[in-house]
Amino acid sequence: MNRLFVYGTLMRGQVRADLLGDAPRVAATTHGRLYHLPPGYPAIVDVPDGVVHGELVTIDPASLPALDDYEGDEYRRVIRRVSTADGNVEAWCYVFPPEDEAAWVAAGAVLIPSGRWA
């Protein structure tokens, strides 16, 4: 799989966009609830409702281990449906499991109703 959906710090113009270099990107959406976490970065809670806006990035699959390290143990890398202007595709995406949502909300995570980090 050579596609990755990004929605926060890895997006163009954000603090860690450099991890993806000049990889091709297009506007995209996926399902889930987007939160601003207390440490200052976003997370999608992997639920069927809600819309999250981001970018679909074409990547070299060999870069996934480095991206896994960057995202850390809190996130799960899963394959999910992503929508673009050209249609739907499958892509990797880093998400939080739904069972962690209540704990993050209790710790101060703030829901972003618009589904847009930036």
N, C-alpha and C. Protein backbone atom coordinates (compact mmCIF):
# COMPACT_ATOMS: atom_id res chain seq x y z
N MET A 1 0.85 -1.18 0.00
CA MET A 1 0.00 0.00 0.00
C MET A 1 0.89 1.23 0.00
N ASN A 2 0.68 2.11 -0.95
CA ASN A 2 1.54 3.31 -1.07
C ASN A 2 0.77 4.61 -0.84
N ARG A 3 -0.36 4.52 -0.13
CA ARG A 3 -1.14 5.73 0.17
C ARG A 3 -1.29 5.88 1.68
N LEU A 4 -1.23 7.14 2.13
CA LEU A 4 -1.36 7.47 3.55
C LEU A 4 -2.26 8.69 3.68
N PHE A 5 -3.27 8.59 4.54
CA PHE A 5 -4.12 9.74 4.84
C PHE A 5 -3.53 10.44 6.06
N VAL A 6 -3.24 11.74 5.91
CA VAL A 6 -2.71 12.54 7.02
C VAL A 6 -3.68 13.67 7.31
N TYR A 7 -3.75 14.08 8.58
CA TYR A 7 -4.76 15.04 8.99
C TYR A 7 -4.26 16.04 10.03
N GLY A 8 -2.97 16.03 10.31
CA GLY A 8 -2.45 16.91 11.36
C GLY A 8 -1.04 17.38 11.07
N THR A 9 -0.12 17.00 11.93
CA THR A 9 1.24 17.52 11.86
C THR A 9 2.01 17.09 10.62
N LEU A 10 1.52 16.08 9.89
CA LEU A 10 2.19 15.62 8.67
C LEU A 10 1.65 16.30 7.41
N MET A 11 0.60 17.13 7.56
CA MET A 11 0.04 17.82 6.40
C MET A 11 0.98 18.91 5.89
N ARG A 12 0.82 19.26 4.63
CA ARG A 12 1.59 20.34 4.01
C ARG A 12 1.48 21.59 4.88
N GLY A 13 2.63 22.21 5.16
CA GLY A 13 2.66 23.43 5.95
C GLY A 13 2.68 23.22 7.45
N GLN A 14 2.56 21.99 7.91
CA GLN A 14 2.57 21.70 9.35
C GLN A 14 3.98 21.32 9.82
N VAL A 15 4.13 21.18 11.12
CA VAL A 15 5.47 21.07 11.73
C VAL A 15 6.26 19.84 11.31
N ARG A 16 5.62 18.76 10.90
CA ARG A 16 6.38 17.56 10.51
C ARG A 16 6.09 17.11 9.09
N ALA A 17 5.64 18.02 8.26
CA ALA A 17 5.42 17.70 6.85
C ALA A 17 6.70 17.22 6.18
N ASP A 18 7.84 17.64 6.71
CA ASP A 18 9.14 17.25 6.16
C ASP A 18 9.34 15.74 6.17
N LEU A 19 8.67 15.02 7.06
CA LEU A 19 8.82 13.56 7.10
C LEU A 19 8.33 12.90 5.82
N LEU A 20 7.48 13.60 5.07
CA LEU A 20 6.95 13.05 3.82
C LEU A 20 7.58 13.70 2.59
N GLY A 21 8.51 14.61 2.82
CA GLY A 21 9.22 15.23 1.70
C GLY A 21 8.27 15.90 0.72
N ASP A 22 8.58 15.72 -0.56
CA ASP A 22 7.75 16.34 -1.60
C ASP A 22 6.79 15.33 -2.23
N ALA A 23 6.34 14.37 -1.43
CA ALA A 23 5.41 13.36 -1.92
C ALA A 23 4.13 14.01 -2.45
N PRO A 24 3.57 13.46 -3.53
CA PRO A 24 2.31 14.00 -4.06
C PRO A 24 1.19 13.93 -3.03
N ARG A 25 0.37 14.99 -2.97
CA ARG A 25 -0.72 15.10 -2.00
C ARG A 25 -1.97 15.63 -2.69
N VAL A 26 -3.13 15.13 -2.26
CA VAL A 26 -4.41 15.67 -2.72
C VAL A 26 -5.34 15.78 -1.51
N ALA A 27 -6.27 16.73 -1.57
CA ALA A 27 -7.25 16.90 -0.51
C ALA A 27 -8.10 15.62 -0.41
N ALA A 28 -8.44 15.25 0.83
CA ALA A 28 -9.20 14.01 1.05
C ALA A 28 -9.95 14.09 2.37
N THR A 29 -10.89 13.18 2.53
CA THR A 29 -11.61 13.03 3.80
C THR A 29 -11.71 11.56 4.16
N THR A 30 -11.95 11.33 5.44
CA THR A 30 -12.24 9.99 5.93
C THR A 30 -13.19 10.12 7.11
N HIS A 31 -13.66 9.00 7.62
CA HIS A 31 -14.59 9.02 8.75
C HIS A 31 -13.83 9.04 10.08
N GLY A 32 -14.50 9.47 11.12
CA GLY A 32 -13.94 9.48 12.46
C GLY A 32 -14.21 10.80 13.16
N ARG A 33 -13.80 10.87 14.41
CA ARG A 33 -13.90 12.11 15.17
C ARG A 33 -12.49 12.62 15.41
N LEU A 34 -12.29 13.91 15.14
CA LEU A 34 -10.98 14.53 15.28
C LEU A 34 -10.90 15.29 16.60
N TYR A 35 -9.83 15.03 17.33
CA TYR A 35 -9.59 15.69 18.62
C TYR A 35 -8.27 16.43 18.61
N HIS A 36 -8.23 17.53 19.36
CA HIS A 36 -6.98 18.22 19.70
C HIS A 36 -6.59 17.69 21.07
N LEU A 37 -5.49 16.95 21.12
CA LEU A 37 -5.07 16.32 22.37
C LEU A 37 -4.28 17.29 23.23
N PRO A 38 -4.29 17.12 24.55
CA PRO A 38 -3.57 18.02 25.45
C PRO A 38 -2.10 18.23 25.11
N PRO A 39 -1.38 17.22 24.59
CA PRO A 39 0.03 17.49 24.24
C PRO A 39 0.21 18.42 23.03
N GLY A 40 -0.91 18.76 22.33
CA GLY A 40 -0.82 19.72 21.24
C GLY A 40 -0.85 19.15 19.84
N TYR A 41 -1.26 17.92 19.69
CA TYR A 41 -1.37 17.33 18.35
C TYR A 41 -2.73 16.66 18.21
N PRO A 42 -3.13 16.32 16.97
CA PRO A 42 -4.46 15.77 16.75
C PRO A 42 -4.48 14.24 16.76
N ALA A 43 -5.70 13.72 16.88
CA ALA A 43 -5.91 12.28 16.73
C ALA A 43 -7.32 12.05 16.22
N ILE A 44 -7.44 11.07 15.35
CA ILE A 44 -8.75 10.58 14.92
C ILE A 44 -9.11 9.43 15.84
N VAL A 45 -10.33 9.47 16.36
CA VAL A 45 -10.87 8.30 17.04
C VAL A 45 -11.59 7.50 15.96
N ASP A 46 -11.24 6.24 15.87
CA ASP A 46 -11.70 5.37 14.80
C ASP A 46 -13.14 4.91 15.05
N VAL A 47 -14.08 5.77 14.64
CA VAL A 47 -15.51 5.47 14.74
C VAL A 47 -16.14 5.76 13.37
N PRO A 48 -17.30 5.16 13.09
CA PRO A 48 -17.89 5.33 11.75
C PRO A 48 -18.51 6.70 11.50
N ASP A 49 -18.82 7.46 12.55
CA ASP A 49 -19.45 8.76 12.33
C ASP A 49 -18.41 9.87 12.28
N GLY A 50 -18.81 11.01 11.76
CA GLY A 50 -17.92 12.16 11.66
C GLY A 50 -17.10 12.14 10.38
N VAL A 51 -16.61 13.32 10.02
CA VAL A 51 -15.76 13.47 8.83
C VAL A 51 -14.50 14.21 9.24
N VAL A 52 -13.37 13.71 8.80
CA VAL A 52 -12.07 14.33 9.06
C VAL A 52 -11.46 14.71 7.72
N HIS A 53 -11.00 15.96 7.63
CA HIS A 53 -10.39 16.49 6.41
C HIS A 53 -8.87 16.39 6.53
N GLY A 54 -8.24 16.05 5.42
CA GLY A 54 -6.79 15.95 5.42
C GLY A 54 -6.25 15.84 4.00
N GLU A 55 -5.18 15.09 3.88
CA GLU A 55 -4.53 14.90 2.58
C GLU A 55 -4.24 13.42 2.36
N LEU A 56 -4.39 13.00 1.13
CA LEU A 56 -3.98 11.67 0.72
C LEU A 56 -2.60 11.83 0.09
N VAL A 57 -1.63 11.13 0.66
CA VAL A 57 -0.24 11.27 0.25
C VAL A 57 0.24 9.96 -0.36
N THR A 58 0.91 10.05 -1.49
CA THR A 58 1.54 8.88 -2.10
C THR A 58 2.92 8.74 -1.48
N ILE A 59 3.17 7.60 -0.85
CA ILE A 59 4.42 7.39 -0.12
C ILE A 59 5.16 6.17 -0.64
N ASP A 60 6.41 6.08 -0.25
CA ASP A 60 7.20 4.87 -0.44
C ASP A 60 6.89 3.98 0.76
N PRO A 61 6.35 2.78 0.56
CA PRO A 61 6.02 1.91 1.70
C PRO A 61 7.19 1.67 2.64
N ALA A 62 8.42 1.82 2.15
CA ALA A 62 9.59 1.64 3.01
C ALA A 62 9.68 2.71 4.09
N SER A 63 8.92 3.82 3.93
CA SER A 63 8.94 4.88 4.93
C SER A 63 8.03 4.59 6.11
N LEU A 64 7.20 3.56 6.03
CA LEU A 64 6.24 3.29 7.10
C LEU A 64 6.88 3.01 8.46
N PRO A 65 7.97 2.26 8.57
CA PRO A 65 8.56 2.07 9.90
C PRO A 65 8.97 3.39 10.57
N ALA A 66 9.52 4.32 9.81
CA ALA A 66 9.89 5.62 10.39
C ALA A 66 8.65 6.39 10.81
N LEU A 67 7.59 6.31 10.02
CA LEU A 67 6.34 6.98 10.38
C LEU A 67 5.71 6.33 11.61
N ASP A 68 5.78 5.00 11.70
CA ASP A 68 5.30 4.30 12.90
C ASP A 68 6.03 4.80 14.14
N ASP A 69 7.35 4.97 14.02
CA ASP A 69 8.14 5.49 15.15
C ASP A 69 7.69 6.90 15.52
N TYR A 70 7.48 7.75 14.52
CA TYR A 70 7.05 9.12 14.78
C TYR A 70 5.69 9.14 15.48
N GLU A 71 4.75 8.34 15.01
CA GLU A 71 3.40 8.34 15.57
C GLU A 71 3.36 7.72 16.97
N GLY A 72 4.24 6.77 17.24
CA GLY A 72 4.31 6.18 18.57
C GLY A 72 3.28 5.10 18.84
N ASP A 73 3.30 4.61 20.06
CA ASP A 73 2.46 3.48 20.45
C ASP A 73 1.00 3.84 20.67
N GLU A 74 0.70 5.13 20.82
CA GLU A 74 -0.68 5.54 21.06
C GLU A 74 -1.58 5.28 19.86
N TYR A 75 -0.99 5.37 18.68
CA TYR A 75 -1.77 5.27 17.44
C TYR A 75 -1.69 3.85 16.88
N ARG A 76 -2.77 3.48 16.19
CA ARG A 76 -2.77 2.25 15.39
C ARG A 76 -2.74 2.67 13.91
N ARG A 77 -1.92 1.99 13.13
CA ARG A 77 -1.94 2.23 11.68
C ARG A 77 -2.92 1.24 11.08
N VAL A 78 -3.99 1.75 10.46
CA VAL A 78 -5.03 0.91 9.89
C VAL A 78 -5.29 1.31 8.45
N ILE A 79 -5.88 0.40 7.71
CA ILE A 79 -6.32 0.71 6.34
C ILE A 79 -7.77 1.13 6.42
N ARG A 80 -8.08 2.24 5.74
CA ARG A 80 -9.45 2.73 5.75
C ARG A 80 -9.80 3.37 4.42
N ARG A 81 -11.10 3.58 4.21
CA ARG A 81 -11.58 4.22 2.99
C ARG A 81 -11.37 5.73 3.10
N VAL A 82 -10.84 6.30 2.05
CA VAL A 82 -10.57 7.73 1.97
C VAL A 82 -11.22 8.24 0.69
N SER A 83 -11.85 9.41 0.79
CA SER A 83 -12.53 10.00 -0.37
C SER A 83 -11.75 11.19 -0.89
N THR A 84 -11.59 11.25 -2.21
CA THR A 84 -10.97 12.39 -2.89
C THR A 84 -11.93 12.85 -3.98
N ALA A 85 -11.57 13.92 -4.65
CA ALA A 85 -12.39 14.41 -5.76
C ALA A 85 -12.51 13.38 -6.88
N ASP A 86 -11.52 12.47 -6.96
CA ASP A 86 -11.52 11.45 -8.01
C ASP A 86 -12.18 10.14 -7.59
N GLY A 87 -12.67 10.06 -6.35
CA GLY A 87 -13.32 8.83 -5.89
C GLY A 87 -12.75 8.32 -4.59
N ASN A 88 -13.11 7.09 -4.26
CA ASN A 88 -12.69 6.46 -3.01
C ASN A 88 -11.53 5.51 -3.24
N VAL A 89 -10.61 5.50 -2.28
CA VAL A 89 -9.48 4.58 -2.31
C VAL A 89 -9.23 4.09 -0.89
N GLU A 90 -8.40 3.09 -0.75
CA GLU A 90 -7.94 2.65 0.56
C GLU A 90 -6.58 3.26 0.82
N ALA A 91 -6.34 3.59 2.09
CA ALA A 91 -5.06 4.19 2.48
C ALA A 91 -4.77 3.84 3.93
N TRP A 92 -3.50 3.90 4.27
CA TRP A 92 -3.11 3.80 5.67
C TRP A 92 -3.55 5.08 6.39
N CYS A 93 -3.83 4.96 7.68
CA CYS A 93 -4.17 6.12 8.50
C CYS A 93 -3.83 5.77 9.95
N TYR A 94 -3.32 6.74 10.68
CA TYR A 94 -3.02 6.55 12.10
C TYR A 94 -4.20 7.04 12.92
N VAL A 95 -4.75 6.15 13.76
CA VAL A 95 -5.95 6.44 14.53
C VAL A 95 -5.78 5.98 15.98
N PHE A 96 -6.64 6.53 16.83
CA PHE A 96 -6.77 6.05 18.20
C PHE A 96 -7.93 5.05 18.24
N PRO A 97 -7.80 4.01 19.03
CA PRO A 97 -8.92 3.08 19.17
C PRO A 97 -10.07 3.73 19.93
N PRO A 98 -11.32 3.40 19.59
CA PRO A 98 -12.46 4.03 20.25
C PRO A 98 -12.48 3.82 21.76
N GLU A 99 -11.91 2.72 22.23
CA GLU A 99 -11.91 2.47 23.67
C GLU A 99 -11.04 3.46 24.44
N ASP A 100 -10.18 4.23 23.75
CA ASP A 100 -9.34 5.24 24.40
C ASP A 100 -10.00 6.63 24.42
N GLU A 101 -11.12 6.80 23.70
CA GLU A 101 -11.74 8.12 23.56
C GLU A 101 -12.11 8.73 24.92
N ALA A 102 -12.79 8.00 25.77
CA ALA A 102 -13.24 8.54 27.05
C ALA A 102 -12.05 8.99 27.91
N ALA A 103 -10.98 8.22 27.90
CA ALA A 103 -9.80 8.59 28.69
C ALA A 103 -9.18 9.87 28.18
N TRP A 104 -9.09 10.04 26.85
CA TRP A 104 -8.51 11.27 26.30
C TRP A 104 -9.40 12.47 26.58
N VAL A 105 -10.72 12.30 26.49
CA VAL A 105 -11.63 13.40 26.79
C VAL A 105 -11.50 13.79 28.26
N ALA A 106 -11.42 12.80 29.15
CA ALA A 106 -11.24 13.07 30.58
C ALA A 106 -9.92 13.79 30.84
N ALA A 107 -8.92 13.53 29.99
CA ALA A 107 -7.61 14.16 30.16
C ALA A 107 -7.53 15.54 29.50
N GLY A 108 -8.63 15.98 28.87
CA GLY A 108 -8.65 17.32 28.28
C GLY A 108 -8.66 17.40 26.78
N ALA A 109 -8.81 16.27 26.08
CA ALA A 109 -8.89 16.32 24.62
C ALA A 109 -10.15 17.09 24.23
N VAL A 110 -10.02 17.91 23.17
CA VAL A 110 -11.12 18.74 22.72
C VAL A 110 -11.54 18.29 21.32
N LEU A 111 -12.84 17.98 21.19
CA LEU A 111 -13.38 17.59 19.89
C LEU A 111 -13.30 18.78 18.94
N ILE A 112 -12.88 18.52 17.70
CA ILE A 112 -12.85 19.55 16.65
C ILE A 112 -14.04 19.26 15.73
N PRO A 113 -15.17 19.92 15.95
CA PRO A 113 -16.39 19.60 15.19
C PRO A 113 -16.24 19.73 13.68
N SER A 114 -15.41 20.66 13.23
CA SER A 114 -15.23 20.85 11.78
C SER A 114 -14.48 19.71 11.13
N GLY A 115 -13.76 18.92 11.93
CA GLY A 115 -12.94 17.84 11.37
C GLY A 115 -11.69 18.34 10.65
N ARG A 116 -11.32 19.60 10.88
CA ARG A 116 -10.14 20.20 10.21
C ARG A 116 -9.11 20.62 11.26
N TRP A 117 -7.94 20.05 11.17
CA TRP A 117 -6.85 20.42 12.07
C TRP A 117 -6.27 21.77 11.67
N ALA A 118 -6.07 21.97 10.39
CA ALA A 118 -5.45 23.22 9.95
C ALA A 118 -6.20 23.81 8.77
